[in-house]
């Protein structure tokens, strides 16, 4: 079973490859993630060349079912984010 890469793992990997201390690296990673979140919230799309694109879109309200009671419910409209790999990254991932 593979291990999930966490934010702490990213901080550690960057720390090992730079001359910055862990606290500085952690702040930089946090700032980067904040910028990414704001971009998706504001523009609904975040494109990282050679990696992929994050896109936010609205899902309409829909009918659902409570599995515990089997009652029909209406799920409210919501926003969701999808990630689409770039062609280049997809090729790398598939060993092409």
N, C-alpha and C. Protein backbone atom coordinates (compact mmCIF):
# COMPACT_ATOMS: atom_id res chain seq x y z
N UNK A 1 0.86 -1.18 0.00
CA UNK A 1 0.00 0.00 0.00
C UNK A 1 0.90 1.24 0.00
N UNK A 2 0.54 2.23 -0.83
CA UNK A 2 1.36 3.43 -0.93
C UNK A 2 1.02 4.42 0.17
N UNK A 3 2.00 5.22 0.52
CA UNK A 3 1.82 6.23 1.56
C UNK A 3 1.36 7.53 0.91
N UNK A 4 0.44 8.19 1.54
CA UNK A 4 -0.06 9.47 1.05
C UNK A 4 0.97 10.56 1.34
N UNK A 5 1.23 11.40 0.34
CA UNK A 5 2.13 12.53 0.52
C UNK A 5 1.36 13.63 1.24
N UNK A 6 1.88 14.08 2.38
CA UNK A 6 1.21 15.11 3.17
C UNK A 6 1.92 16.45 3.01
N UNK A 7 1.29 17.49 3.52
CA UNK A 7 1.90 18.81 3.50
C UNK A 7 3.23 18.79 4.26
N UNK A 8 3.26 18.07 5.37
CA UNK A 8 4.50 17.95 6.15
C UNK A 8 5.60 17.27 5.34
N UNK A 9 5.24 16.28 4.53
CA UNK A 9 6.22 15.61 3.67
C UNK A 9 6.77 16.57 2.62
N UNK A 10 5.91 17.41 2.08
CA UNK A 10 6.34 18.40 1.09
C UNK A 10 7.30 19.39 1.72
N UNK A 11 6.94 19.87 2.92
CA UNK A 11 7.81 20.80 3.65
C UNK A 11 9.17 20.15 3.89
N UNK A 12 9.17 18.92 4.33
CA UNK A 12 10.43 18.20 4.62
C UNK A 12 11.28 18.04 3.36
N UNK A 13 10.64 17.67 2.24
CA UNK A 13 11.38 17.48 0.99
C UNK A 13 12.01 18.79 0.52
N UNK A 14 11.29 19.89 0.62
CA UNK A 14 11.83 21.19 0.22
C UNK A 14 12.93 21.61 1.18
N UNK A 15 12.73 21.39 2.47
CA UNK A 15 13.73 21.73 3.49
C UNK A 15 15.06 21.04 3.20
N UNK A 16 15.00 19.76 2.83
CA UNK A 16 16.22 18.99 2.57
C UNK A 16 16.97 19.47 1.33
N UNK A 17 16.26 20.13 0.40
CA UNK A 17 16.89 20.57 -0.85
C UNK A 17 17.23 22.05 -0.87
N UNK A 18 16.95 22.76 0.20
CA UNK A 18 17.24 24.20 0.23
C UNK A 18 18.04 24.54 1.48
N UNK A 19 18.45 25.80 1.56
CA UNK A 19 19.18 26.25 2.75
C UNK A 19 18.28 26.99 3.73
N UNK A 20 16.98 26.91 3.52
CA UNK A 20 16.03 27.57 4.41
C UNK A 20 15.69 26.66 5.59
N UNK A 21 15.24 27.27 6.69
CA UNK A 21 14.85 26.44 7.83
C UNK A 21 13.41 25.97 7.66
N UNK A 22 13.02 25.00 8.45
CA UNK A 22 11.69 24.39 8.30
C UNK A 22 10.56 25.41 8.43
N UNK A 23 10.70 26.34 9.34
CA UNK A 23 9.65 27.34 9.56
C UNK A 23 9.45 28.20 8.31
N UNK A 24 10.54 28.59 7.67
CA UNK A 24 10.44 29.39 6.44
C UNK A 24 9.79 28.58 5.32
N UNK A 25 10.21 27.33 5.19
CA UNK A 25 9.65 26.47 4.16
C UNK A 25 8.17 26.26 4.39
N UNK A 26 7.78 26.03 5.64
CA UNK A 26 6.37 25.83 5.97
C UNK A 26 5.55 27.06 5.60
N UNK A 27 6.07 28.26 5.89
CA UNK A 27 5.36 29.49 5.53
C UNK A 27 5.20 29.62 4.01
N UNK A 28 6.26 29.27 3.27
CA UNK A 28 6.20 29.35 1.81
C UNK A 28 5.17 28.37 1.25
N UNK A 29 5.14 27.15 1.76
CA UNK A 29 4.17 26.16 1.30
C UNK A 29 2.75 26.63 1.62
N UNK A 30 2.56 27.16 2.82
CA UNK A 30 1.24 27.68 3.21
C UNK A 30 0.81 28.82 2.28
N UNK A 31 1.74 29.72 1.96
CA UNK A 31 1.42 30.85 1.06
C UNK A 31 1.06 30.34 -0.33
N UNK A 32 1.82 29.37 -0.82
CA UNK A 32 1.53 28.81 -2.13
C UNK A 32 0.14 28.19 -2.16
N UNK A 33 -0.21 27.42 -1.15
CA UNK A 33 -1.53 26.79 -1.09
C UNK A 33 -2.63 27.83 -0.97
N UNK A 34 -2.38 28.90 -0.23
CA UNK A 34 -3.37 29.98 -0.11
C UNK A 34 -3.60 30.65 -1.47
N UNK A 35 -2.52 30.91 -2.20
CA UNK A 35 -2.65 31.51 -3.53
C UNK A 35 -3.44 30.58 -4.45
N UNK A 36 -3.16 29.28 -4.40
CA UNK A 36 -3.87 28.32 -5.23
C UNK A 36 -5.35 28.28 -4.89
N UNK A 37 -5.68 28.27 -3.60
CA UNK A 37 -7.08 28.24 -3.17
C UNK A 37 -7.82 29.49 -3.62
N UNK A 38 -7.17 30.64 -3.45
CA UNK A 38 -7.79 31.90 -3.86
C UNK A 38 -8.04 31.93 -5.36
N UNK A 39 -7.11 31.40 -6.14
CA UNK A 39 -7.27 31.38 -7.59
C UNK A 39 -8.46 30.53 -7.99
N UNK A 40 -8.61 29.37 -7.37
CA UNK A 40 -9.75 28.50 -7.70
C UNK A 40 -11.06 29.16 -7.26
N UNK A 41 -11.06 29.79 -6.08
CA UNK A 41 -12.28 30.46 -5.61
C UNK A 41 -12.66 31.62 -6.52
N UNK A 42 -11.67 32.43 -6.91
CA UNK A 42 -11.93 33.64 -7.68
C UNK A 42 -12.18 33.35 -9.16
N UNK A 43 -11.25 32.66 -9.80
CA UNK A 43 -11.30 32.46 -11.24
C UNK A 43 -11.90 31.12 -11.63
N UNK A 44 -12.05 30.22 -10.67
CA UNK A 44 -12.59 28.88 -10.89
C UNK A 44 -11.66 27.97 -11.68
N UNK A 45 -10.50 28.46 -12.10
CA UNK A 45 -9.55 27.62 -12.82
C UNK A 45 -8.13 27.96 -12.39
N UNK A 46 -7.33 26.93 -12.18
CA UNK A 46 -5.91 27.10 -11.86
C UNK A 46 -5.14 26.16 -12.76
N UNK A 47 -4.32 26.73 -13.65
CA UNK A 47 -3.55 25.94 -14.60
C UNK A 47 -2.08 25.96 -14.19
N UNK A 48 -1.51 24.77 -14.04
CA UNK A 48 -0.08 24.64 -13.76
C UNK A 48 0.51 23.87 -14.94
N UNK A 49 1.23 24.57 -15.80
CA UNK A 49 1.76 23.97 -17.02
C UNK A 49 2.60 22.74 -16.71
N UNK A 50 2.40 21.70 -17.47
CA UNK A 50 3.15 20.46 -17.30
C UNK A 50 2.65 19.60 -16.16
N UNK A 51 1.63 20.07 -15.44
CA UNK A 51 1.09 19.31 -14.30
C UNK A 51 -0.39 19.04 -14.51
N UNK A 52 -1.19 20.11 -14.57
CA UNK A 52 -2.61 19.93 -14.78
C UNK A 52 -3.41 21.17 -14.47
N UNK A 53 -4.73 20.99 -14.48
CA UNK A 53 -5.64 22.12 -14.28
C UNK A 53 -6.68 21.75 -13.22
N UNK A 54 -6.86 22.66 -12.26
CA UNK A 54 -7.92 22.54 -11.27
C UNK A 54 -9.08 23.42 -11.74
N UNK A 55 -10.27 22.85 -11.80
CA UNK A 55 -11.44 23.61 -12.24
C UNK A 55 -12.56 23.46 -11.22
N UNK A 56 -13.17 24.59 -10.85
CA UNK A 56 -14.32 24.57 -9.95
C UNK A 56 -15.58 24.77 -10.79
N UNK A 57 -16.62 24.07 -10.45
CA UNK A 57 -17.89 24.29 -11.13
C UNK A 57 -19.04 24.03 -10.17
N UNK A 58 -20.21 24.54 -10.54
CA UNK A 58 -21.40 24.41 -9.71
C UNK A 58 -22.16 23.15 -10.07
N UNK A 59 -22.57 22.42 -9.05
CA UNK A 59 -23.44 21.27 -9.26
C UNK A 59 -24.84 21.68 -8.84
N UNK A 60 -25.80 21.31 -9.62
CA UNK A 60 -27.18 21.64 -9.30
C UNK A 60 -27.68 20.79 -8.15
N UNK A 61 -28.80 21.24 -7.56
CA UNK A 61 -29.46 20.44 -6.53
C UNK A 61 -29.95 19.15 -7.19
N UNK A 62 -29.96 18.08 -6.41
CA UNK A 62 -30.41 16.81 -6.98
C UNK A 62 -31.07 15.98 -5.90
N UNK A 63 -31.81 15.00 -6.35
CA UNK A 63 -32.45 14.10 -5.40
C UNK A 63 -31.46 13.07 -4.93
N UNK A 64 -31.56 12.73 -3.67
CA UNK A 64 -30.70 11.72 -3.08
C UNK A 64 -31.51 10.83 -2.16
N UNK A 65 -30.82 9.91 -1.51
CA UNK A 65 -31.50 8.98 -0.61
C UNK A 65 -30.68 8.83 0.64
N UNK A 66 -31.34 8.92 1.78
CA UNK A 66 -30.69 8.65 3.06
C UNK A 66 -30.60 7.13 3.20
N UNK A 67 -29.40 6.55 3.16
CA UNK A 67 -29.29 5.09 3.19
C UNK A 67 -29.76 4.47 4.51
N UNK A 68 -29.74 5.27 5.57
CA UNK A 68 -30.15 4.75 6.87
C UNK A 68 -31.66 4.59 6.96
N UNK A 69 -32.38 5.62 6.47
CA UNK A 69 -33.84 5.61 6.59
C UNK A 69 -34.55 5.31 5.27
N UNK A 70 -33.80 5.30 4.19
CA UNK A 70 -34.32 5.10 2.84
C UNK A 70 -35.25 6.24 2.40
N UNK A 71 -35.17 7.38 3.12
CA UNK A 71 -36.01 8.53 2.78
C UNK A 71 -35.38 9.31 1.62
N UNK A 72 -36.21 9.84 0.73
CA UNK A 72 -35.73 10.67 -0.37
C UNK A 72 -35.47 12.08 0.16
N UNK A 73 -34.32 12.62 -0.20
CA UNK A 73 -33.96 13.97 0.24
C UNK A 73 -33.48 14.76 -0.98
N UNK A 74 -33.45 16.07 -0.84
CA UNK A 74 -32.91 16.93 -1.88
C UNK A 74 -31.55 17.42 -1.42
N UNK A 75 -30.52 17.09 -2.18
CA UNK A 75 -29.18 17.56 -1.87
C UNK A 75 -29.03 18.97 -2.43
N UNK A 76 -28.51 19.89 -1.64
CA UNK A 76 -28.43 21.29 -2.08
C UNK A 76 -27.38 21.48 -3.17
N UNK A 77 -27.49 22.59 -3.92
CA UNK A 77 -26.46 22.88 -4.91
C UNK A 77 -25.13 23.12 -4.20
N UNK A 78 -24.03 22.82 -4.89
CA UNK A 78 -22.73 22.99 -4.26
C UNK A 78 -21.67 23.19 -5.33
N UNK A 79 -20.50 23.62 -4.89
CA UNK A 79 -19.36 23.78 -5.77
C UNK A 79 -18.44 22.57 -5.59
N UNK A 80 -17.87 22.09 -6.69
CA UNK A 80 -16.92 21.00 -6.64
C UNK A 80 -15.69 21.38 -7.46
N UNK A 81 -14.57 20.77 -7.14
CA UNK A 81 -13.33 21.01 -7.87
C UNK A 81 -12.86 19.70 -8.47
N UNK A 82 -12.49 19.75 -9.73
CA UNK A 82 -11.94 18.57 -10.41
C UNK A 82 -10.52 18.89 -10.85
N UNK A 83 -9.70 17.85 -10.96
CA UNK A 83 -8.33 18.01 -11.44
C UNK A 83 -8.16 17.20 -12.71
N UNK A 84 -7.61 17.85 -13.72
CA UNK A 84 -7.36 17.18 -15.00
C UNK A 84 -5.86 17.23 -15.27
N UNK A 85 -5.27 16.06 -15.49
CA UNK A 85 -3.84 15.98 -15.79
C UNK A 85 -3.51 16.64 -17.12
N UNK A 86 -2.33 17.23 -17.20
CA UNK A 86 -1.87 17.72 -18.49
C UNK A 86 -1.47 16.52 -19.34
N UNK A 87 -1.45 16.69 -20.65
CA UNK A 87 -1.05 15.59 -21.54
C UNK A 87 0.36 15.13 -21.24
N UNK A 88 1.24 16.10 -20.98
CA UNK A 88 2.64 15.78 -20.70
C UNK A 88 2.76 14.92 -19.44
N UNK A 89 2.09 15.31 -18.37
CA UNK A 89 2.15 14.56 -17.12
C UNK A 89 1.49 13.19 -17.28
N UNK A 90 0.38 13.13 -18.03
CA UNK A 90 -0.28 11.85 -18.27
C UNK A 90 0.67 10.89 -18.99
N UNK A 91 1.40 11.41 -19.96
CA UNK A 91 2.37 10.58 -20.69
C UNK A 91 3.47 10.08 -19.76
N UNK A 92 3.98 10.97 -18.91
CA UNK A 92 5.01 10.57 -17.94
C UNK A 92 4.49 9.51 -17.00
N UNK A 93 3.26 9.69 -16.55
CA UNK A 93 2.65 8.77 -15.60
C UNK A 93 2.47 7.38 -16.20
N UNK A 94 2.14 7.35 -17.49
CA UNK A 94 1.91 6.08 -18.16
C UNK A 94 3.17 5.52 -18.82
N UNK A 95 4.31 6.15 -18.58
CA UNK A 95 5.58 5.65 -19.10
C UNK A 95 5.73 5.74 -20.59
N UNK A 96 5.10 6.71 -21.18
CA UNK A 96 5.17 6.86 -22.65
C UNK A 96 6.31 7.77 -23.05
